[in-house]
Protein backbone atom coordinates (compact mmCIF):
# COMPACT_ATOMS: atom_id res chain seq x y z
CA MET A 1 34.59 24.23 -13.69
CA TRP A 2 33.59 24.07 -10.02
CA ARG A 3 30.70 21.81 -9.19
CA ARG A 4 28.67 21.73 -6.04
CA PRO A 5 29.55 18.59 -4.10
CA VAL A 6 26.82 16.00 -3.81
CA VAL A 7 26.13 15.05 -0.21
CA LYS A 8 25.39 11.35 0.13
CA GLY A 9 22.20 10.65 1.96
CA GLY A 10 20.85 14.13 1.17
CA ARG A 11 17.73 12.73 -0.45
CA THR A 12 17.09 10.44 2.50
CA LEU A 13 17.47 13.37 4.89
CA ARG A 14 14.98 15.42 2.88
CA VAL A 15 12.49 12.56 2.96
CA VAL A 16 12.85 12.21 6.73
CA VAL A 17 12.50 15.95 7.32
CA THR A 18 9.50 16.17 4.98
CA THR A 19 7.81 13.25 6.74
CA ILE A 20 8.35 14.81 10.17
CA VAL A 21 7.08 18.21 9.00
CA ALA A 22 3.99 16.59 7.43
CA LEU A 23 3.30 14.67 10.66
CA LEU A 24 3.63 17.83 12.75
CA LEU A 25 1.32 19.65 10.34
CA VAL A 26 -1.34 16.95 10.68
CA VAL A 27 -1.10 17.11 14.48
CA ALA A 28 -1.30 20.92 14.39
CA LEU A 29 -4.40 20.82 12.17
CA TRP A 30 -5.99 18.19 14.42
CA GLU A 31 -5.37 20.15 17.59
CA GLY A 32 -6.28 23.46 15.93
CA TYR A 33 -9.61 22.09 14.74
CA LYS A 34 -10.28 20.65 18.19
CA TRP A 35 -9.43 23.96 19.87
CA MET A 36 -11.64 25.92 17.46
CA GLY A 37 -14.57 23.60 18.10
CA GLY A 38 -14.14 24.00 21.83
CA GLN A 39 -14.18 27.78 21.53
CA THR A 40 -17.22 27.97 19.24
CA ASP A 41 -19.32 25.10 20.59
CA ASP A 42 -18.65 23.05 17.44
CA HIS A 43 -19.67 25.82 15.01
CA TRP A 44 -17.71 27.64 12.33
CA PRO A 45 -16.46 30.91 13.85
CA GLY A 46 -18.98 33.75 13.52
CA THR A 47 -21.70 31.53 12.04
CA SER A 48 -24.45 29.16 13.13
CA ILE A 49 -23.15 26.42 10.81
CA GLU A 50 -22.09 23.32 12.70
CA LEU A 51 -18.69 21.74 12.18
CA PRO A 52 -18.65 18.44 10.23
CA THR A 53 -17.37 16.56 13.27
CA SER A 54 -17.78 17.06 16.98
CA THR A 55 -14.58 18.01 18.80
CA ASP A 56 -15.28 16.42 22.18
CA ASP A 57 -12.68 14.08 23.67
CA LEU A 58 -14.70 10.99 22.76
CA THR A 59 -14.86 11.86 19.06
CA MET A 60 -11.47 13.57 18.76
CA PRO A 61 -9.00 12.65 21.51
CA HIS A 62 -5.94 14.84 21.89
CA ALA A 63 -2.93 13.68 19.88
CA THR A 64 -0.93 13.52 23.11
CA ASP A 65 -3.54 11.19 24.63
CA ILE A 66 -3.32 8.89 21.60
CA ALA A 67 0.48 8.87 21.83
CA GLY A 68 0.38 8.25 25.57
CA GLU A 69 -2.02 5.32 25.12
CA LEU A 70 0.68 3.52 23.12
CA PHE A 71 2.59 2.92 26.35
CA GLU A 72 -0.40 1.67 28.34
CA GLU A 73 -0.58 -2.08 28.90
CA VAL A 74 -3.21 -4.19 27.15
CA ARG A 75 -4.07 -7.86 27.41
CA ASP A 76 -2.65 -10.23 24.79
CA GLY A 77 -3.95 -13.66 25.70
CA ARG A 78 -2.61 -14.37 29.18
CA ALA A 79 0.16 -11.80 28.90
CA ARG A 80 0.11 -8.02 29.14
CA LEU A 81 2.02 -5.84 26.70
CA PRO A 82 2.38 -2.11 26.02
CA LEU A 83 -0.02 -1.15 23.27
CA TYR A 84 2.76 -0.29 20.83
CA LEU A 85 4.26 -3.79 21.18
CA PHE A 86 0.80 -5.30 20.84
CA LEU A 87 0.25 -3.36 17.60
CA LEU A 88 3.71 -4.31 16.32
CA LYS A 89 2.86 -7.96 16.88
CA LYS A 90 -0.48 -7.61 15.11
CA GLY A 91 1.12 -5.52 12.37
CA TRP A 92 3.73 -8.20 11.66
CA TYR A 93 0.98 -10.73 11.00
CA THR A 94 -0.84 -8.29 8.71
CA PHE A 95 2.44 -7.52 6.94
CA GLN A 96 2.92 -11.23 6.15
CA GLU A 97 -0.57 -11.42 4.67
CA ALA A 98 0.04 -8.26 2.64
CA ALA A 99 3.45 -9.49 1.44
CA ILE A 100 2.00 -12.80 0.22
CA GLY A 101 -0.89 -11.00 -1.47
CA PHE A 102 1.46 -8.48 -3.06
CA SER A 103 3.68 -11.26 -4.41
CA PHE A 104 0.72 -13.14 -5.86
CA GLY A 105 -0.71 -9.94 -7.30
CA LEU A 106 2.62 -9.02 -8.91
CA ALA A 107 2.98 -12.47 -10.49
CA ILE A 108 -0.62 -12.62 -11.72
CA GLY A 109 -0.70 -9.02 -12.95
CA LEU A 110 2.61 -9.27 -14.80
CA GLY A 111 1.65 -12.65 -16.23
CA LEU A 112 -1.65 -11.29 -17.53
CA ALA A 113 0.11 -8.27 -19.04
CA ILE A 114 2.58 -10.47 -20.91
CA LEU A 115 -0.26 -12.74 -22.06
CA MET A 116 -2.26 -9.78 -23.38
CA LEU A 117 0.86 -8.38 -25.05
CA ARG A 118 1.63 -11.65 -26.80
CA TRP A 119 -1.87 -12.26 -28.13
CA ARG A 120 -4.11 -9.32 -28.96
CA VAL A 121 -7.17 -11.55 -28.79
CA ALA A 122 -6.30 -12.17 -25.13
CA GLU A 123 -6.16 -8.41 -24.54
CA ARG A 124 -9.57 -7.88 -26.14
CA GLY A 125 -11.03 -10.77 -24.19
CA LEU A 126 -9.41 -10.30 -20.77
CA LEU A 127 -8.97 -6.56 -20.25
CA PRO A 128 -12.70 -5.74 -19.97
CA TRP A 129 -13.15 -8.51 -17.40
CA ILE A 130 -10.11 -7.32 -15.46
CA ASN A 131 -11.74 -3.90 -15.22
CA VAL A 132 -15.12 -5.38 -14.27
CA SER A 133 -13.49 -7.45 -11.50
CA GLN A 134 -12.74 -4.28 -9.55
CA THR A 135 -16.42 -3.33 -9.35
CA VAL A 136 -17.22 -6.23 -7.01
CA PRO A 137 -17.48 -4.92 -3.41
CA LEU A 138 -14.53 -6.22 -1.42
CA ILE A 139 -16.56 -6.43 1.78
CA ALA A 140 -18.87 -8.94 0.03
CA LEU A 141 -16.10 -10.89 -1.69
CA ALA A 142 -13.92 -11.37 1.40
CA PRO A 143 -16.27 -13.71 3.34
CA ILE A 144 -16.82 -15.81 0.19
CA ILE A 145 -13.09 -16.32 -0.33
CA VAL A 146 -12.52 -17.22 3.31
CA THR A 147 -15.50 -19.62 3.35
CA TRP A 148 -14.15 -21.41 0.28
CA GLY A 149 -10.74 -21.55 1.91
CA ARG A 150 -12.05 -23.06 5.13
CA LEU A 151 -14.10 -25.64 3.25
CA ASN A 152 -10.90 -26.73 1.50
CA ASP A 153 -8.74 -26.61 4.66
CA ILE A 154 -6.79 -23.56 3.45
CA PRO A 155 -5.27 -21.50 6.31
CA ASP A 156 -6.91 -18.13 6.96
CA ILE A 157 -3.62 -16.32 6.36
CA LEU A 158 -3.59 -17.60 2.78
CA SER A 159 -7.27 -16.81 2.24
CA ILE A 160 -6.74 -13.25 3.47
CA SER A 161 -3.68 -12.99 1.23
CA LEU A 162 -5.90 -13.88 -1.74
CA ILE A 163 -8.13 -10.94 -0.80
CA ALA A 164 -5.05 -8.71 -0.92
CA THR A 165 -4.13 -10.30 -4.26
CA TYR A 166 -7.53 -9.33 -5.64
CA LEU A 167 -6.75 -5.66 -5.01
CA THR A 168 -3.11 -5.71 -6.11
CA PHE A 169 -3.15 -7.53 -9.44
CA PHE A 170 -5.28 -4.90 -11.21
CA PRO A 171 -2.91 -1.88 -11.16
CA VAL A 172 0.02 -4.16 -11.97
CA ALA A 173 -1.71 -5.75 -14.97
CA VAL A 174 -2.95 -2.48 -16.47
CA SER A 175 0.24 -0.48 -15.93
CA ALA A 176 2.54 -3.32 -16.97
CA LEU A 177 0.61 -3.79 -20.21
CA ARG A 178 0.89 -0.10 -20.98
CA GLY A 179 4.60 -0.17 -20.20
CA LEU A 180 5.25 -3.25 -22.31
CA GLN A 181 3.51 -1.56 -25.23
CA SER A 182 5.48 1.69 -24.79
CA PRO A 183 8.71 1.07 -26.83
CA ASP A 184 9.05 3.11 -30.02
CA THR A 185 8.27 1.46 -33.32
CA ALA A 186 11.81 2.21 -34.47
CA HIS A 187 13.27 0.21 -31.59
CA LEU A 188 10.95 -2.70 -32.29
CA GLU A 189 11.87 -2.64 -35.97
CA LEU A 190 15.54 -2.67 -35.02
CA MET A 191 15.01 -5.81 -32.94
CA ARG A 192 13.19 -7.43 -35.86
CA SER A 193 16.03 -6.51 -38.22
CA TYR A 194 18.35 -8.49 -35.98
CA ALA A 195 15.90 -11.42 -36.11
CA ALA A 196 15.55 -11.24 -32.33
CA PRO A 197 13.07 -13.78 -30.90
CA TRP A 198 9.95 -12.46 -29.17
CA ARG A 199 11.35 -13.52 -25.80
CA THR A 200 14.57 -11.56 -26.39
CA THR A 201 12.58 -8.47 -27.35
CA LEU A 202 10.53 -8.89 -24.20
CA PHE A 203 13.49 -9.08 -21.82
CA LYS A 204 15.86 -6.72 -23.61
CA LEU A 205 13.46 -4.00 -24.73
CA ARG A 206 9.91 -4.22 -23.46
CA LEU A 207 10.49 -5.04 -19.76
CA PRO A 208 13.18 -2.33 -19.33
CA ALA A 209 10.82 0.16 -21.00
CA ALA A 210 8.02 -0.87 -18.64
CA ARG A 211 9.91 0.10 -15.48
CA ALA A 212 8.66 3.69 -15.54
CA TYR A 213 5.07 2.40 -15.63
CA LEU A 214 5.49 -0.60 -13.36
CA PHE A 215 7.01 0.95 -10.24
CA PRO A 216 4.23 3.52 -9.66
CA ALA A 217 1.76 0.64 -9.99
CA LEU A 218 3.77 -1.42 -7.50
CA LYS A 219 3.65 1.43 -4.97
CA LEU A 220 -0.12 1.55 -5.30
CA ALA A 221 -0.36 -2.24 -5.16
CA ALA A 222 1.77 -2.36 -2.00
CA THR A 223 -0.55 -0.03 -0.10
CA LEU A 224 -3.62 -1.80 -1.49
CA SER A 225 -2.24 -5.11 -0.24
CA VAL A 226 -2.32 -3.72 3.31
CA VAL A 227 -5.88 -2.46 2.78
CA GLY A 228 -6.94 -5.86 1.45
CA ALA A 229 -5.33 -7.72 4.35
CA ILE A 230 -6.99 -5.50 6.97
CA VAL A 231 -10.40 -5.64 5.28
CA GLY A 232 -10.07 -9.42 5.09
CA GLU A 233 -9.23 -9.64 8.79
CA ILE A 234 -12.21 -7.49 9.72
CA SER A 235 -14.57 -9.35 7.40
CA ILE A 236 -13.87 -12.83 8.74
CA GLY A 237 -13.21 -11.93 12.38
CA THR A 238 -9.72 -13.40 12.49
CA LYS A 239 -8.09 -13.70 15.90
CA THR A 240 -5.00 -11.70 15.03
CA GLY A 241 -3.76 -8.89 12.78
CA LEU A 242 -4.36 -5.15 12.79
CA GLY A 243 -7.86 -5.72 11.45
CA ARG A 244 -8.68 -7.68 14.59
CA ALA A 245 -7.27 -4.91 16.78
CA ILE A 246 -9.31 -2.26 14.93
CA LEU A 247 -12.48 -4.34 15.22
CA GLU A 248 -11.93 -5.07 18.90
CA TYR A 249 -11.19 -1.46 19.86
CA ALA A 250 -14.08 -0.19 17.73
CA GLN A 251 -16.40 -2.22 19.95
CA ARG A 252 -14.84 -0.55 23.01
CA TYR A 253 -14.72 2.92 21.49
CA ALA A 254 -16.88 4.52 24.18
CA VAL A 255 -14.45 3.34 26.88
CA SER A 256 -11.12 4.08 25.20
CA PRO A 257 -11.28 5.85 21.83
CA GLU A 258 -7.51 6.45 21.93
CA ARG A 259 -6.82 2.75 21.33
CA LEU A 260 -8.87 2.71 18.14
CA TYR A 261 -7.08 5.77 16.84
CA ALA A 262 -3.72 4.21 17.77
CA SER A 263 -4.66 1.07 15.80
CA VAL A 264 -5.62 3.15 12.77
CA VAL A 265 -2.34 5.05 13.01
CA GLY A 266 -0.54 1.70 13.16
CA ALA A 267 -2.28 0.59 9.97
CA ALA A 268 -1.30 3.85 8.28
CA ILE A 269 2.32 3.39 9.34
CA LEU A 270 2.31 -0.14 7.92
CA GLY A 271 0.97 1.18 4.62
CA LEU A 272 3.64 3.88 4.49
CA SER A 273 6.30 1.30 5.32
CA VAL A 274 5.46 -1.02 2.44
CA PHE A 275 5.24 2.01 0.14
CA GLY A 276 8.72 3.01 1.29
CA MET A 277 10.06 -0.49 0.64
CA VAL A 278 8.89 -0.39 -2.97
CA ASN A 279 10.23 3.14 -3.34
CA LEU A 280 13.63 1.98 -2.08
CA ALA A 281 13.58 -0.97 -4.49
CA GLU A 282 12.80 1.43 -7.33
CA ARG A 283 15.74 3.65 -6.45
CA LEU A 284 18.11 0.68 -6.27
CA VAL A 285 16.93 -0.78 -9.58
CA MET A 286 17.02 2.57 -11.37
CA LYS A 287 20.46 3.38 -9.96
CA ARG A 288 21.83 0.01 -11.05
CA THR A 289 20.27 0.36 -14.49
CA GLU A 290 21.70 3.84 -14.96
CA GLY A 291 25.13 2.52 -13.99
CA VAL A 292 24.93 -0.30 -16.54
CA GLU A 293 23.76 2.06 -19.29
CA ARG A 294 26.55 4.52 -18.46
CA ALA A 295 29.12 1.73 -18.63
CA ASP A 296 27.74 0.61 -22.00
CA ARG A 297 28.04 4.14 -23.39
CA VAL A 298 31.63 4.43 -22.18
CA ALA A 299 32.50 1.05 -23.70
CA ALA A 300 30.94 2.09 -26.99
């Protein structure tokens, strides 16, 4: 029976094409909205209802102006760099903060999930407080964390990473717990019939079953780690990072709004990048797992 050949890299090509099309669509909507506002004096066509946002160049610069601003030189200390290099430098610092926060959040979230799985009393006692923890405004919590850090001679990068950790551990803990509890009763009974220790059941059955729940949570946690890092930078007025760039250019918005928009776009790209890294890790893990399971079936 003839089968259609599978083209390697086809999925990657589709992702790239979809991303480009989505970007072009956003630009088209931006420019279309701006053009419509210019034609109707910022009103919906044929009505006296004002548009939600003004379309003047100060409020909504042209996409081409924002892109062109990336190649304009800006001051970085005593040196001058193109804006895109300046944002790359700031973005690398923010990425380090987000990566540390993501790692801490993964470890804490997974550890809490295993703890709540092992002892039901821990689940009943901890899970409500884990949910309540996310109701505390981050903008109020960030200065407190940084102040404590500075009083104890903790570097700002670590304090900001703890802010990112605060956002990332929650989806990991909740989703991991649900995934660890997902195996069928029949599978658990089979492990008990073999007198498998709790640890063996955890690593051989529960953790593999949790993958489908854990990776979506990790994607969310990765993007939240970037949000937490940037909010932390803005809250404490750090001297570097994308948060600093956004804060600085927000103060100069009336002079050069394109730079603020470019900084926001840079933050969005960083968030998409970390999301893509987790997505790639998921594909590699799932592909390897499928290969192992296929080999086991053949051997059987």
